[in-house]
């Protein structure tokens, strides 16, 4: 993932990004940290063309992300999968299995091949026995795992997660961490949860006011009390790096 001089303003004139430069190598796990309103979600929405690039550039595996080029955008979106903060934004089919099959089906997968993709994605997130369940019958943590599975079914090269640990109880939080740790995939994780960043990502980037203000190894970032305080980030009481 290669982002160069990316700037973005919303139609109401609110400038969310001011020339962001970020490079993520294959296999890296990067936490994107920062206060509310820093531009984190806006930035990740550029990674697969949900937001069109108006200034600067975004490349995935050497390919330009161009919202105007529908054919290349389809390829980019199969390479960069985004798991939204609210799983209900991603789950809309009658059953869990149908939700997971939706993306691959639209990429032309059918029959036994499609069934195998769905079963593998369910297995990866430990939800195999819920294939025939309606998503709205699941707990919030289970729905988030299914949302991850819908993205994994597309076999992406980069998994982008927006606040993956939010609203999870401790057991669900740990289960999701175990799943994410087991995946052999590049991860970009937007989070306020600094212990989660420490646990899962060897590198952290702080975005504040639409610019990157820090980029380094997660333990070094989290040990810098002044840096965290300046960017409205706090470690939980009793947590030591």
Protein backbone atom coordinates (compact mmCIF):
# COMPACT_ATOMS: atom_id res chain seq x y z
CA UNK A 1 0.00 0.00 0.00
CA UNK A 2 1.51 3.33 -1.09
CA UNK A 3 -0.22 6.62 -0.24
CA UNK A 4 1.38 9.85 -1.45
CA UNK A 5 0.37 13.45 -0.63
CA UNK A 6 -3.25 12.42 -0.06
CA UNK A 7 -5.52 15.37 0.74
CA UNK A 8 -9.30 15.32 1.00
CA UNK A 9 -12.07 17.78 1.78
CA UNK A 10 -15.74 16.91 2.24
CA UNK A 11 -18.36 18.74 0.14
CA UNK A 12 -19.17 21.01 3.10
CA UNK A 13 -15.58 22.29 2.99
CA UNK A 14 -14.31 20.33 6.01
CA UNK A 15 -10.70 19.42 5.21
CA UNK A 16 -10.09 15.93 6.62
CA UNK A 17 -6.64 15.06 5.21
CA UNK A 18 -3.68 17.34 4.51
CA UNK A 19 -1.08 15.56 2.39
CA UNK A 20 -0.78 12.12 4.02
CA UNK A 21 2.16 9.89 3.06
CA UNK A 22 2.03 6.27 4.20
CA UNK A 23 3.68 3.08 2.97
CA UNK A 24 2.67 -0.39 4.20
CA UNK A 25 4.65 -3.45 3.11
CA UNK A 26 3.22 -6.89 2.43
CA UNK A 27 2.64 -8.80 5.67
CA UNK A 28 2.91 -5.76 7.95
CA UNK A 29 0.38 -5.11 10.69
CA UNK A 30 -0.09 -1.41 11.24
CA UNK A 31 -2.27 0.32 13.84
CA UNK A 32 -3.70 3.68 12.79
CA UNK A 33 -4.15 5.68 15.99
CA UNK A 34 -5.48 9.14 16.70
CA UNK A 35 -8.21 11.18 18.38
CA UNK A 36 -11.78 11.46 17.09
CA UNK A 37 -11.91 13.64 14.00
CA UNK A 38 -8.28 12.97 13.10
CA UNK A 39 -9.19 11.64 9.65
CA UNK A 40 -8.53 7.93 10.30
CA UNK A 41 -11.75 6.58 8.78
CA UNK A 42 -11.53 9.07 5.90
CA UNK A 43 -8.03 7.77 5.17
CA UNK A 44 -9.01 4.09 5.11
CA UNK A 45 -12.02 4.87 2.89
CA UNK A 46 -9.49 5.93 0.24
CA UNK A 47 -7.70 2.58 0.35
CA UNK A 48 -10.27 0.87 -1.87
CA UNK A 49 -11.86 3.85 -3.55
CA UNK A 50 -14.95 4.37 -1.35
CA UNK A 51 -13.79 7.99 -1.24
CA UNK A 52 -12.48 9.17 -4.64
CA UNK A 53 -8.93 10.50 -4.61
CA UNK A 54 -9.08 14.23 -5.35
CA UNK A 55 -5.48 15.14 -4.50
CA UNK A 56 -2.48 12.82 -4.25
CA UNK A 57 -2.48 9.11 -5.03
CA UNK A 58 -3.15 5.68 -3.55
CA UNK A 59 -1.56 2.53 -5.03
CA UNK A 60 -2.30 -1.07 -4.03
CA UNK A 61 0.22 -3.67 -5.25
CA UNK A 62 1.44 -1.08 -7.76
CA UNK A 63 -2.05 -0.40 -9.12
CA UNK A 64 -3.54 3.11 -8.90
CA UNK A 65 -6.82 3.36 -6.98
CA UNK A 66 -9.02 5.29 -9.42
CA UNK A 67 -12.70 5.68 -8.54
CA UNK A 68 -13.46 6.58 -12.17
CA UNK A 69 -12.09 3.30 -13.53
CA UNK A 70 -14.80 0.79 -12.57
CA UNK A 71 -12.92 -2.25 -13.89
CA UNK A 72 -9.74 -1.55 -11.93
CA UNK A 73 -11.79 -0.53 -8.87
CA UNK A 74 -13.39 -3.99 -8.83
CA UNK A 75 -9.91 -5.54 -8.72
CA UNK A 76 -8.74 -3.12 -6.01
CA UNK A 77 -11.77 -3.93 -3.85
CA UNK A 78 -11.01 -7.62 -4.09
CA UNK A 79 -7.48 -6.85 -2.83
CA UNK A 80 -8.41 -4.40 -0.04
CA UNK A 81 -11.20 -5.55 2.26
CA UNK A 82 -12.65 -3.13 4.80
CA UNK A 83 -14.45 -4.32 7.94
CA UNK A 84 -16.61 -1.45 9.17
CA UNK A 85 -17.07 -0.52 12.81
CA UNK A 86 -20.73 -1.56 12.81
CA UNK A 87 -21.15 -5.13 11.49
CA UNK A 88 -24.78 -4.37 10.62
CA UNK A 89 -23.45 -2.13 7.83
CA UNK A 90 -22.14 -5.32 6.18
CA UNK A 91 -24.68 -8.00 7.04
CA UNK A 92 -27.96 -7.85 5.12
CA UNK A 93 -28.73 -11.35 3.79
CA UNK A 94 -31.16 -13.88 5.38
CA UNK A 95 -28.38 -16.18 6.64
CA UNK A 96 -24.74 -15.96 7.66
CA UNK A 97 -23.71 -18.25 4.79
CA UNK A 98 -25.49 -16.10 2.22
CA UNK A 99 -23.83 -12.95 3.60
CA UNK A 100 -20.40 -14.53 3.18
CA UNK A 101 -21.25 -15.84 -0.29
CA UNK A 102 -22.45 -12.45 -1.53
CA UNK A 103 -19.05 -11.01 -2.52
CA UNK A 104 -17.59 -14.14 -4.14
CA UNK A 105 -20.90 -14.75 -5.98
CA UNK A 106 -20.65 -11.28 -7.49
CA UNK A 107 -17.09 -12.12 -8.55
CA UNK A 108 -18.46 -15.08 -10.53
CA UNK A 109 -17.98 -17.95 -8.06
CA UNK A 110 -20.62 -20.69 -8.16
CA UNK A 111 -21.48 -24.17 -6.92
CA UNK A 112 -18.94 -26.26 -5.02
CA UNK A 113 -16.24 -23.59 -5.39
CA UNK A 114 -18.49 -20.98 -3.75
CA UNK A 115 -19.47 -23.39 -0.96
CA UNK A 116 -15.80 -24.10 -0.24
CA UNK A 117 -15.00 -20.37 -0.04
CA UNK A 118 -17.86 -19.80 2.42
CA UNK A 119 -16.88 -22.78 4.58
CA UNK A 120 -13.22 -21.70 4.68
CA UNK A 121 -14.11 -18.13 5.69
CA UNK A 122 -16.44 -19.40 8.44
CA UNK A 123 -13.72 -21.73 9.69
CA UNK A 124 -11.17 -18.89 9.84
CA UNK A 125 -13.38 -16.93 12.23
CA UNK A 126 -14.65 -19.92 14.22
CA UNK A 127 -18.27 -19.55 13.11
CA UNK A 128 -18.82 -22.73 11.05
CA UNK A 129 -21.83 -23.90 13.07
CA UNK A 130 -23.67 -20.60 12.44
CA UNK A 131 -23.84 -20.89 8.64
CA UNK A 132 -27.64 -21.22 8.46
CA UNK A 133 -28.41 -18.70 11.23
CA UNK A 134 -29.92 -15.28 10.53
CA UNK A 135 -27.22 -12.68 11.35
CA UNK A 136 -29.61 -10.68 13.56
CA UNK A 137 -29.90 -13.71 15.88
CA UNK A 138 -26.18 -13.49 16.72
CA UNK A 139 -24.44 -11.53 19.46
CA UNK A 140 -22.61 -8.34 18.52
CA UNK A 141 -19.23 -10.09 18.81
CA UNK A 142 -20.41 -12.96 16.61
CA UNK A 143 -21.71 -10.50 14.00
CA UNK A 144 -18.36 -8.77 13.93
CA UNK A 145 -16.64 -12.10 13.29
CA UNK A 146 -19.07 -12.82 10.45
CA UNK A 147 -18.35 -9.34 9.04
CA UNK A 148 -14.64 -10.24 9.04
CA UNK A 149 -15.51 -13.51 7.28
CA UNK A 150 -17.43 -11.68 4.52
CA UNK A 151 -14.23 -9.79 3.75
CA UNK A 152 -11.92 -12.81 4.06
CA UNK A 153 -14.12 -14.68 1.57
CA UNK A 154 -12.88 -12.23 -1.07
CA UNK A 155 -9.29 -13.39 -0.42
CA UNK A 156 -7.97 -9.84 0.05
CA UNK A 157 -4.28 -8.96 0.24
CA UNK A 158 -4.96 -6.19 2.77
CA UNK A 159 -7.47 -6.37 5.63
CA UNK A 160 -8.56 -2.96 6.95
CA UNK A 161 -10.43 -2.94 10.27
CA UNK A 162 -12.22 0.13 11.66
CA UNK A 163 -12.27 -0.03 15.48
CA UNK A 164 -12.44 -3.86 15.60
CA UNK A 165 -12.53 -4.13 19.40
CA UNK A 166 -15.22 -1.49 20.04
CA UNK A 167 -18.34 -2.64 21.92
CA UNK A 168 -16.94 -6.15 22.46
CA UNK A 169 -17.03 -7.90 25.82
CA UNK A 170 -13.64 -9.16 27.09
CA UNK A 171 -14.12 -12.73 25.80
CA UNK A 172 -15.22 -11.56 22.31
CA UNK A 173 -12.32 -9.11 22.24
CA UNK A 174 -9.83 -11.88 22.98
CA UNK A 175 -11.44 -14.28 20.49
CA UNK A 176 -11.22 -11.68 17.72
CA UNK A 177 -7.58 -10.96 18.60
CA UNK A 178 -6.79 -14.68 18.31
CA UNK A 179 -8.47 -14.79 14.88
CA UNK A 180 -6.61 -11.72 13.60
CA UNK A 181 -3.30 -13.04 14.91
CA UNK A 182 -3.81 -16.32 13.04
CA UNK A 183 -4.32 -14.65 9.63
CA UNK A 184 -1.47 -14.54 7.13
CA UNK A 185 -2.44 -11.16 5.70
CA UNK A 186 -1.45 -7.48 5.72
CA UNK A 187 -3.52 -5.62 8.33
CA UNK A 188 -4.29 -1.93 8.79
CA UNK A 189 -6.24 -1.43 12.00
CA UNK A 190 -7.93 1.82 13.03
CA UNK A 191 -8.29 1.80 16.79
CA UNK A 192 -8.48 3.83 20.01
CA UNK A 193 -7.69 0.62 21.89
CA UNK A 194 -3.96 1.00 22.58
CA UNK A 195 -3.55 -2.42 24.28
CA UNK A 196 -5.12 -4.00 21.15
CA UNK A 197 -2.65 -2.13 18.96
CA UNK A 198 0.19 -3.32 21.21
CA UNK A 199 -1.04 -6.91 21.08
CA UNK A 200 -1.63 -7.16 17.32
CA UNK A 201 0.46 -4.57 15.46
CA UNK A 202 4.23 -4.25 15.49
CA UNK A 203 3.98 -0.76 13.93
CA UNK A 204 1.76 2.19 14.82
CA UNK A 205 0.99 5.43 13.01
CA UNK A 206 -0.64 8.43 14.71
CA UNK A 207 -2.89 10.59 12.55
CA UNK A 208 -3.89 13.94 14.02
CA UNK A 209 -5.54 16.88 12.33
CA UNK A 210 -5.34 15.13 8.97
CA UNK A 211 -1.57 14.60 9.02
CA UNK A 212 0.71 11.80 10.26
CA UNK A 213 2.51 13.03 13.37
CA UNK A 214 4.25 9.78 14.38
CA UNK A 215 5.22 6.48 12.75
CA UNK A 216 7.25 3.81 14.50
CA UNK A 217 7.35 0.59 16.47
CA UNK A 218 4.23 0.25 18.61
CA UNK A 219 6.05 -0.15 21.97
CA UNK A 220 8.10 3.00 21.32
CA UNK A 221 5.00 4.99 20.34
CA UNK A 222 3.10 3.81 23.42
CA UNK A 223 6.00 4.59 25.78
CA UNK A 224 6.00 8.23 24.66
CA UNK A 225 3.66 9.80 27.22
CA UNK A 226 3.98 13.31 25.81
CA UNK A 227 3.15 12.13 22.29
CA UNK A 228 0.07 10.23 23.50
CA UNK A 229 -1.14 13.14 25.62
CA UNK A 230 -0.69 15.63 22.76
CA UNK A 231 -2.89 13.43 20.57
CA UNK A 232 -5.59 12.62 23.15
CA UNK A 233 -4.55 8.98 23.46
CA UNK A 234 -4.38 7.19 26.81
CA UNK A 235 -3.25 3.80 28.03
CA UNK A 236 -5.59 2.13 30.53
CA UNK A 237 -4.66 2.49 34.19
CA UNK A 238 -2.22 -0.27 35.16
CA UNK A 239 -1.26 -1.17 31.57
CA UNK A 240 2.50 -1.14 31.03
CA UNK A 241 4.30 -1.49 27.71
